[in-house]
């Protein structure tokens, strides 16, 4: 079995698999052969495609476990390789983007006196700092031990983009707007948003939604199926009412923080951006479920993500 592989800026290479047929050679084998010729093209950086007779977009050969025969690739076929650029593992992307707020929030609260002048932190400020740190430690736990990813990697540029969002919004922006004298102990003396009963109530509200969100992720991690199998749909708590209950509980936790702070601008920006993207992702998942499942069973009459609006 022989195939040729061409890519922009490099000579076409021929890969020979002696004694094997198309049914014996996997896409993984082909990628390994490319890497052997051009070490900079490691497996996750490659996207192989089979040109069509009509010269349209090549048929993507994405499943490394499938053989060339599975994709209709015959002996002597000419494959095309697209360089996806430097890649980073999906899990590492999440680990990096969630790490920032864990360290930035305590540092900004500690050094805010050097930015704004000396003041005593309020119970509200200390509580919000602790909740944000706990939230992102939870996300790190989920990224390492719970989440299962459909793709092995993403472009390295995503790390800088995502870190700019999480480190910038839930780290620096919230830190600069919330950890200032206007929210300090003196300024909030006898204020509702600094009263223990107010803070304890909304802390409980936030933590309950954090636990419910974790529960949805634990359930979603059990739904992964093999190639060619019908995708399972979620049925755990919350999913009987909302298609993307995980996004709903996530948003409710952030909403609790917005209310607790009396509408701190940093938390408002955070919930505005987060709810927009989670709503967009939820609509996409809803459409996919309707296409793949019996729509009377799932999604059925469920809300997509934000009852009673969506």
Protein backbone atom coordinates (compact mmCIF):
# COMPACT_ATOMS: atom_id res chain seq x y z
CA UNK A 1 0.00 0.00 0.00
CA UNK A 2 1.38 3.38 -1.06
CA UNK A 3 -0.01 6.89 -0.74
CA UNK A 4 1.43 10.30 -1.52
CA UNK A 5 0.98 13.30 0.75
CA UNK A 6 1.35 16.88 -0.39
CA UNK A 7 1.28 20.13 1.56
CA UNK A 8 1.97 23.75 0.78
CA UNK A 9 5.64 24.69 0.89
CA UNK A 10 6.97 21.12 1.12
CA UNK A 11 7.88 18.47 -1.46
CA UNK A 12 5.31 15.71 -1.96
CA UNK A 13 6.24 12.60 -0.02
CA UNK A 14 5.42 8.96 -0.68
CA UNK A 15 4.56 6.64 2.19
CA UNK A 16 5.02 2.94 1.59
CA UNK A 17 3.44 0.28 3.81
CA UNK A 18 4.92 -2.99 2.51
CA UNK A 19 2.78 -6.09 2.80
CA UNK A 20 -0.27 -4.10 3.90
CA UNK A 21 -3.53 -3.23 2.18
CA UNK A 22 -5.76 -0.19 2.66
CA UNK A 23 -7.69 -2.17 5.26
CA UNK A 24 -4.52 -2.60 7.34
CA UNK A 25 -3.26 1.00 7.38
CA UNK A 26 -4.89 3.45 9.78
CA UNK A 27 -4.98 7.23 9.59
CA UNK A 28 -2.72 7.16 12.65
CA UNK A 29 -0.17 5.17 10.64
CA UNK A 30 -0.23 7.76 7.85
CA UNK A 31 0.21 10.64 10.28
CA UNK A 32 3.11 8.82 11.93
CA UNK A 33 4.69 8.43 8.49
CA UNK A 34 4.34 12.15 7.82
CA UNK A 35 5.88 12.97 11.20
CA UNK A 36 8.79 10.65 10.41
CA UNK A 37 9.46 12.66 7.24
CA UNK A 38 8.71 16.10 8.71
CA UNK A 39 9.07 16.08 12.54
CA UNK A 40 7.49 19.54 12.89
CA UNK A 41 4.20 18.06 11.66
CA UNK A 42 3.27 16.11 14.79
CA UNK A 43 -0.04 14.24 14.67
CA UNK A 44 -2.34 16.88 16.18
CA UNK A 45 -0.91 19.50 13.84
CA UNK A 46 -1.97 17.52 10.78
CA UNK A 47 -5.31 17.50 8.96
CA UNK A 48 -5.35 14.91 6.20
CA UNK A 49 -7.81 15.10 3.35
CA UNK A 50 -8.76 13.03 0.30
CA UNK A 51 -9.34 15.18 -2.81
CA UNK A 52 -12.70 14.60 -4.51
CA UNK A 53 -13.34 13.99 -8.19
CA UNK A 54 -15.13 17.35 -8.48
CA UNK A 55 -12.12 19.17 -6.99
CA UNK A 56 -14.22 20.44 -4.10
CA UNK A 57 -13.04 20.58 -0.53
CA UNK A 58 -11.10 17.37 0.31
CA UNK A 59 -12.89 14.75 2.40
CA UNK A 60 -11.38 15.07 5.91
CA UNK A 61 -9.73 11.95 7.32
CA UNK A 62 -10.25 12.83 10.98
CA UNK A 63 -10.66 9.55 12.87
CA UNK A 64 -7.17 8.16 13.47
CA UNK A 65 -8.59 4.75 14.39
CA UNK A 66 -10.17 4.23 10.98
CA UNK A 67 -8.30 2.63 8.10
CA UNK A 68 -7.67 4.04 4.66
CA UNK A 69 -10.24 1.55 3.35
CA UNK A 70 -12.86 2.98 5.68
CA UNK A 71 -12.47 6.31 3.91
CA UNK A 72 -12.31 4.80 0.43
CA UNK A 73 -8.59 5.51 -0.02
CA UNK A 74 -7.04 3.17 -2.57
CA UNK A 75 -3.46 2.21 -3.41
CA UNK A 76 -1.54 5.12 -4.94
CA UNK A 77 -4.00 7.76 -3.76
CA UNK A 78 -2.83 11.34 -3.38
CA UNK A 79 -3.68 12.86 0.00
CA UNK A 80 -3.46 16.47 1.03
CA UNK A 81 -2.10 17.72 4.32
CA UNK A 82 -3.13 20.97 5.96
CA UNK A 83 -0.81 22.37 8.60
CA UNK A 84 -2.98 23.43 11.56
CA UNK A 85 -0.12 25.30 13.15
CA UNK A 86 1.26 24.88 16.69
CA UNK A 87 -1.18 23.01 18.91
CA UNK A 88 -1.80 22.62 22.64
CA UNK A 89 -3.78 19.89 24.38
CA UNK A 90 -7.40 20.81 25.16
CA UNK A 91 -6.91 19.90 28.81
CA UNK A 92 -3.88 22.16 29.10
CA UNK A 93 -5.83 25.02 27.52
CA UNK A 94 -8.38 24.79 30.33
CA UNK A 95 -5.73 24.42 33.02
CA UNK A 96 -3.92 27.57 31.87
CA UNK A 97 -7.00 29.75 31.41
CA UNK A 98 -8.44 28.90 34.83
CA UNK A 99 -5.16 29.31 36.70
CA UNK A 100 -4.99 33.09 36.36
CA UNK A 101 -8.00 34.11 38.50
CA UNK A 102 -6.87 31.75 41.29
CA UNK A 103 -3.69 33.77 41.78
CA UNK A 104 -4.69 37.22 40.49
CA UNK A 105 -7.63 37.77 42.86
CA UNK A 106 -5.73 37.20 46.14
CA UNK A 107 -2.81 39.27 44.84
CA UNK A 108 -4.99 42.20 43.78
CA UNK A 109 -6.87 42.27 47.07
CA UNK A 110 -3.57 42.17 48.92
CA UNK A 111 -1.93 44.91 46.84
CA UNK A 112 -5.04 47.06 46.23
CA UNK A 113 -3.91 49.38 49.03
CA UNK A 114 -0.88 50.28 46.95
CA UNK A 115 -3.17 51.04 44.02
CA UNK A 116 -5.96 52.95 45.77
CA UNK A 117 -4.42 53.89 49.12
CA UNK A 118 -4.72 52.21 52.50
CA UNK A 119 -8.16 50.82 53.44
CA UNK A 120 -9.60 47.86 55.33
CA UNK A 121 -11.11 45.12 53.12
CA UNK A 122 -14.79 44.41 53.72
CA UNK A 123 -16.45 41.06 54.36
CA UNK A 124 -17.92 41.34 50.87
CA UNK A 125 -14.51 41.71 49.23
CA UNK A 126 -12.99 38.82 51.16
CA UNK A 127 -15.99 36.58 50.40
CA UNK A 128 -15.99 37.36 46.67
CA UNK A 129 -12.25 36.67 46.52
CA UNK A 130 -12.76 33.30 48.19
CA UNK A 131 -15.72 32.39 45.95
CA UNK A 132 -13.85 33.23 42.75
CA UNK A 133 -10.80 31.23 43.84
CA UNK A 134 -13.00 28.28 44.84
CA UNK A 135 -14.91 28.48 41.54
CA UNK A 136 -11.77 28.23 39.44
CA UNK A 137 -10.21 25.54 41.61
CA UNK A 138 -13.39 23.57 40.89
CA UNK A 139 -12.91 24.22 37.18
CA UNK A 140 -9.32 23.01 37.38
CA UNK A 141 -10.52 19.83 39.12
CA UNK A 142 -13.10 19.28 36.37
CA UNK A 143 -10.54 19.91 33.63
CA UNK A 144 -8.07 17.39 35.06
CA UNK A 145 -10.37 14.65 36.34
CA UNK A 146 -13.86 15.04 34.84
CA UNK A 147 -13.99 16.51 31.35
CA UNK A 148 -13.62 14.33 28.27
CA UNK A 149 -12.71 16.08 25.06
CA UNK A 150 -13.86 15.34 21.53
CA UNK A 151 -10.71 16.92 20.10
CA UNK A 152 -7.17 16.29 21.33
CA UNK A 153 -5.86 19.81 20.79
CA UNK A 154 -6.55 23.40 19.75
CA UNK A 155 -4.35 26.08 18.14
CA UNK A 156 -1.78 27.51 20.54
CA UNK A 157 -3.24 30.99 19.90
CA UNK A 158 -6.38 29.90 21.80
CA UNK A 159 -4.33 29.84 25.02
CA UNK A 160 -3.55 33.56 24.71
CA UNK A 161 -7.11 34.43 23.67
CA UNK A 162 -8.77 32.48 26.48
CA UNK A 163 -6.28 33.61 29.10
CA UNK A 164 -6.88 37.21 28.06
CA UNK A 165 -10.59 36.68 28.78
CA UNK A 166 -10.41 34.79 32.07
CA UNK A 167 -7.32 36.50 33.46
CA UNK A 168 -8.52 39.88 32.23
CA UNK A 169 -12.21 39.76 33.23
CA UNK A 170 -12.41 37.50 36.29
CA UNK A 171 -8.94 38.43 37.40
CA UNK A 172 -7.84 41.98 36.64
CA UNK A 173 -11.15 43.72 35.85
CA UNK A 174 -13.11 42.33 38.81
CA UNK A 175 -10.05 42.84 40.97
CA UNK A 176 -9.69 46.51 40.03
CA UNK A 177 -13.41 47.36 40.24
CA UNK A 178 -14.27 45.38 43.37
CA UNK A 179 -11.11 45.48 45.48
CA UNK A 180 -11.18 49.28 45.94
CA UNK A 181 -12.08 51.61 48.81
CA UNK A 182 -15.66 52.07 47.52
CA UNK A 183 -16.26 48.42 48.52
CA UNK A 184 -14.06 48.56 51.62
CA UNK A 185 -15.16 48.04 55.22
CA UNK A 186 -15.55 51.76 55.98
CA UNK A 187 -17.46 52.61 52.81
CA UNK A 188 -19.86 49.65 53.25
CA UNK A 189 -20.38 50.08 56.99
CA UNK A 190 -24.05 49.32 57.81
CA UNK A 191 -24.63 48.63 54.09
CA UNK A 192 -26.94 45.80 53.02
CA UNK A 193 -24.39 44.25 50.67
CA UNK A 194 -21.87 43.93 53.52
CA UNK A 195 -24.27 42.51 56.10
CA UNK A 196 -23.48 38.93 57.12
CA UNK A 197 -27.03 37.70 56.44
CA UNK A 198 -26.93 39.09 52.87
CA UNK A 199 -23.49 37.64 52.16
CA UNK A 200 -24.25 34.24 53.70
CA UNK A 201 -27.50 33.92 51.74
CA UNK A 202 -25.92 34.66 48.37
CA UNK A 203 -22.86 32.59 49.23
CA UNK A 204 -25.15 29.62 49.82
CA UNK A 205 -26.98 30.36 46.56
CA UNK A 206 -23.70 30.45 44.63
CA UNK A 207 -22.30 27.29 46.25
CA UNK A 208 -25.52 25.34 45.58
CA UNK A 209 -25.28 26.24 41.89
CA UNK A 210 -21.60 25.30 41.89
CA UNK A 211 -22.46 21.85 43.24
CA UNK A 212 -25.33 21.43 40.75
CA UNK A 213 -23.01 22.48 37.92
CA UNK A 214 -20.39 19.96 39.05
CA UNK A 215 -23.09 17.29 39.11
CA UNK A 216 -24.02 18.05 35.49
CA UNK A 217 -20.38 17.75 34.41
CA UNK A 218 -19.99 14.43 36.20
CA UNK A 219 -23.09 13.18 34.39
CA UNK A 220 -21.99 14.52 30.98
CA UNK A 221 -18.64 12.75 31.35
CA UNK A 222 -20.46 9.39 31.34
CA UNK A 223 -22.12 10.01 27.95
CA UNK A 224 -19.14 9.63 25.64
CA UNK A 225 -19.71 6.92 23.00
CA UNK A 226 -17.51 5.24 20.42
CA UNK A 227 -17.24 6.21 16.74
CA UNK A 228 -20.38 5.46 14.76
CA UNK A 229 -22.54 5.02 17.88
CA UNK A 230 -25.61 7.17 18.50
CA UNK A 231 -24.75 10.07 20.78
CA UNK A 232 -26.38 9.81 24.21
CA UNK A 233 -28.38 12.70 25.62
CA UNK A 234 -28.20 13.98 29.22
CA UNK A 235 -30.90 12.91 31.69
CA UNK A 236 -29.52 13.95 35.08
CA UNK A 237 -30.92 16.55 37.47
CA UNK A 238 -31.71 19.79 35.66
CA UNK A 239 -31.66 18.22 32.21
CA UNK A 240 -35.32 17.21 32.55
CA UNK A 241 -36.14 20.93 32.22
CA UNK A 242 -33.16 22.48 30.41
CA UNK A 243 -31.14 21.07 27.50
CA UNK A 244 -27.90 22.70 28.70
CA UNK A 245 -28.44 22.63 32.45
CA UNK A 246 -24.68 22.87 32.98
CA UNK A 247 -24.63 26.33 31.40
CA UNK A 248 -27.75 27.34 33.34
CA UNK A 249 -26.25 26.52 36.76
CA UNK A 250 -22.98 28.17 35.72
CA UNK A 251 -24.83 31.37 34.85
CA UNK A 252 -26.88 31.30 38.05
CA UNK A 253 -23.69 31.15 40.10
CA UNK A 254 -22.32 34.24 38.35
CA UNK A 255 -25.70 35.99 38.68
CA UNK A 256 -25.54 35.38 42.43
CA UNK A 257 -22.17 37.13 42.49
CA UNK A 258 -23.54 40.08 40.53
CA UNK A 259 -26.43 40.48 42.99
CA UNK A 260 -24.21 39.97 46.04
CA UNK A 261 -21.92 42.83 44.96
CA UNK A 262 -24.83 45.14 44.18
CA UNK A 263 -23.92 45.16 40.50
CA UNK A 264 -20.16 45.58 40.44
CA UNK A 265 -19.21 46.53 36.87
CA UNK A 266 -16.63 43.74 36.63
CA UNK A 267 -19.18 41.05 37.48
CA UNK A 268 -21.69 42.57 35.04
CA UNK A 269 -19.17 42.44 32.21
CA UNK A 270 -18.35 38.85 33.18
CA UNK A 271 -21.95 37.62 33.15
CA UNK A 272 -22.73 39.52 29.92
CA UNK A 273 -19.90 37.92 27.95
CA UNK A 274 -20.24 34.48 29.55
CA UNK A 275 -24.01 34.25 29.06
CA UNK A 276 -23.72 35.32 25.42
CA UNK A 277 -21.20 32.61 24.56
CA UNK A 278 -22.92 29.91 26.64
CA UNK A 279 -26.22 30.81 24.96
CA UNK A 280 -24.60 30.49 21.52
CA UNK A 281 -23.07 27.11 22.40
CA UNK A 282 -26.39 25.92 23.86
CA UNK A 283 -28.30 26.77 20.67
CA UNK A 284 -25.78 24.76 18.67
CA UNK A 285 -26.13 21.76 20.98
CA UNK A 286 -29.93 22.05 20.91
CA UNK A 287 -29.96 21.91 17.10
CA UNK A 288 -27.60 18.93 17.10
CA UNK A 289 -29.80 17.04 19.58
CA UNK A 290 -32.89 17.74 17.45
CA UNK A 291 -31.08 16.42 14.40
CA UNK A 292 -29.65 13.29 16.03
CA UNK A 293 -32.36 12.29 18.52
CA UNK A 294 -36.10 11.76 18.39
CA UNK A 295 -37.14 15.40 18.98
CA UNK A 296 -40.24 14.28 20.90
CA UNK A 297 -38.00 12.52 23.44
CA UNK A 298 -35.06 14.93 23.54
CA UNK A 299 -35.06 17.93 23.51
CA UNK A 300 -38.86 17.61 23.72
CA UNK A 301 -40.40 20.63 25.49
CA UNK A 302 -37.27 21.61 27.39
CA UNK A 303 -35.87 25.11 27.53
CA UNK A 304 -32.55 25.52 25.74
CA UNK A 305 -30.59 27.26 28.51
CA UNK A 306 -32.20 30.38 30.04
CA UNK A 307 -35.85 29.93 31.09
CA UNK A 308 -38.17 31.65 30.35
CA UNK A 309 -36.28 33.52 27.61
CA UNK A 310 -34.43 30.81 25.72
